Protein backbone atom coordinates (compact mmCIF):
# COMPACT_ATOMS: atom_id res chain seq x y z
CA MET A 1 41.08 86.92 -16.37
CA ILE A 2 44.19 89.29 -16.59
CA THR A 3 46.82 88.57 -14.32
CA ASN A 4 49.21 91.46 -14.75
CA TRP A 5 46.73 95.10 -14.37
CA GLN A 6 49.92 97.01 -14.86
CA ASP A 7 50.91 95.50 -18.79
CA LEU A 8 47.14 95.83 -19.61
CA ILE A 9 48.31 99.53 -18.73
CA ASN A 10 51.54 99.42 -20.69
CA ASN A 11 50.18 98.11 -23.84
CA MET A 12 47.06 100.63 -24.24
CA ASN A 13 49.36 103.55 -23.61
CA GLY A 14 50.82 102.41 -26.78
CA GLY A 15 47.51 102.04 -28.89
CA ILE A 16 46.28 105.63 -27.26
CA LYS A 17 50.19 107.19 -28.77
CA THR A 18 48.89 106.22 -31.91
CA LEU A 19 45.44 107.71 -31.60
CA ARG A 20 46.95 110.87 -30.51
CA GLN A 21 49.06 110.75 -33.42
CA GLY A 22 46.04 109.62 -35.65
CA ALA A 23 43.49 111.43 -34.78
CA PRO A 24 44.38 114.26 -32.74
CA ASP A 25 41.72 116.37 -32.60
CA ILE A 26 39.37 113.78 -31.05
CA MET A 27 42.02 112.70 -28.11
CA LYS A 28 42.99 116.86 -27.55
CA SER A 29 39.25 116.84 -27.08
CA PHE A 30 39.35 113.59 -24.73
CA GLY A 31 42.09 114.73 -22.92
CA GLU A 32 40.08 118.28 -22.01
CA MET A 33 36.54 116.36 -21.59
CA ALA A 34 38.65 114.34 -19.39
CA LYS A 35 40.53 117.67 -17.46
CA ALA A 36 36.59 119.20 -17.18
CA ALA A 37 35.44 115.96 -15.31
CA HIS A 38 38.34 115.64 -13.07
CA GLY A 39 37.69 119.80 -12.09
CA GLY A 40 35.19 121.03 -9.55
CA GLU A 41 35.16 121.22 -6.19
CA ALA A 42 32.51 119.17 -4.59
CA LEU A 43 33.62 115.66 -4.92
CA GLU A 44 37.58 114.87 -3.82
CA ALA A 45 39.82 113.28 -6.52
CA LYS A 46 39.89 110.03 -5.11
CA THR A 47 35.94 109.97 -4.78
CA LYS A 48 35.78 110.64 -8.49
CA GLU A 49 38.23 107.98 -9.59
CA LEU A 50 35.78 105.20 -7.22
CA ILE A 51 32.65 106.22 -9.57
CA ALA A 52 35.15 105.89 -12.58
CA LEU A 53 36.39 102.69 -11.50
CA ALA A 54 32.49 101.55 -10.47
CA LEU A 55 31.77 102.66 -13.93
CA GLY A 56 34.27 100.52 -15.86
CA VAL A 57 33.24 97.62 -13.89
CA ALA A 58 29.33 98.40 -15.42
CA ALA A 59 30.76 99.27 -18.86
CA ARG A 60 32.92 96.00 -18.38
CA CYS A 61 36.24 97.70 -19.39
CA ALA A 62 39.32 95.98 -18.66
CA PRO A 63 41.42 98.75 -19.43
CA CYS A 64 39.00 101.62 -17.82
CA ILE A 65 39.72 99.31 -14.53
CA ALA A 66 43.26 99.25 -14.29
CA TYR A 67 43.90 102.78 -15.20
CA HIS A 68 41.15 103.64 -12.78
CA ALA A 69 42.33 101.28 -10.53
CA GLU A 70 46.02 103.04 -10.31
CA ALA A 71 44.25 106.36 -10.10
CA ALA A 72 42.55 104.87 -7.04
CA ALA A 73 45.61 103.44 -5.61
CA LYS A 74 47.76 106.25 -5.87
CA LEU A 75 45.12 108.45 -4.17
CA GLY A 76 44.88 107.14 -1.45
CA ALA A 77 41.54 104.42 -1.41
CA SER A 78 41.98 101.96 0.29
CA ARG A 79 40.76 98.04 0.26
CA GLU A 80 37.52 98.94 1.59
CA GLN A 81 36.43 101.67 0.16
CA VAL A 82 37.26 99.94 -3.48
CA LEU A 83 34.95 97.14 -1.80
CA GLU A 84 32.11 99.41 -1.01
CA THR A 85 32.23 100.72 -4.83
CA MET A 86 32.02 97.31 -6.26
CA ALA A 87 29.33 96.60 -4.01
CA MET A 88 27.29 99.55 -5.25
CA ALA A 89 28.74 98.36 -9.29
CA ILE A 90 27.35 94.65 -8.80
CA TYR A 91 23.96 96.45 -6.77
CA MET A 92 23.94 98.87 -10.51
CA GLY A 93 24.90 96.23 -12.79
CA ALA A 94 23.59 92.49 -11.33
CA GLY A 95 25.58 89.43 -12.67
CA PRO A 96 28.45 90.70 -14.95
CA SER A 97 29.26 93.12 -12.75
CA VAL A 98 30.21 90.39 -9.88
CA MET A 99 32.80 89.14 -12.42
CA TYR A 100 34.12 92.65 -13.45
CA ALA A 101 33.86 93.37 -9.43
CA ALA A 102 36.47 90.76 -9.09
CA GLU A 103 38.97 92.16 -11.40
CA ALA A 104 38.62 95.59 -10.28
CA LEU A 105 39.48 94.40 -6.87
CA GLU A 106 42.55 92.19 -8.33
CA ALA A 107 43.69 95.77 -10.50
CA PHE A 108 43.35 97.41 -6.93
CA ASP A 109 45.29 94.81 -5.50
CA GLN A 110 48.11 95.13 -7.59
CA MET A 111 48.19 98.66 -8.24
CA ALA A 112 48.03 99.46 -4.63
CA ALA A 113 51.20 96.96 -3.92
CA LYS A 114 53.25 99.29 -6.50
CA THR A 115 52.68 102.41 -4.92
CA THR A 116 53.61 101.37 -1.75
CA LEU A 117 56.93 99.82 -2.93
C-alpha cells in the first residue's frame, strides 16, 4: 500500500518530464487530449475529476489515483462525494476495485489535508 501519495506524484513527475523530452510529439498530443477532455461545459471540472478518479481505480493505476485525488481535492470535492464515486467504481469493477477504492480514499484524504493547511 502506498503511504505517501504526494511522494508518488513527485516521483512520477520526473518520469513524465523524461517522457516529454524523449517523446515530445506523443506527449504534446497527450496534453492536447487532456485539455480537450477537460473542455466542454456540460460537466463541471470537479465531476470530471471524480470520473477520472473512478477510472483510475478501475484501471488499477496508482499514479492516476494520486493525480486525480489531488485535482478533486483542489476543486473542492468532499469526502462524501469521493465515497459515492468509489461506490460506483466498486460496483463497476468488483473486488479489485474495492482494494483500489481504499487507496483512492486514502490518497484523497492526504491531498485534501494538504489543501486545507
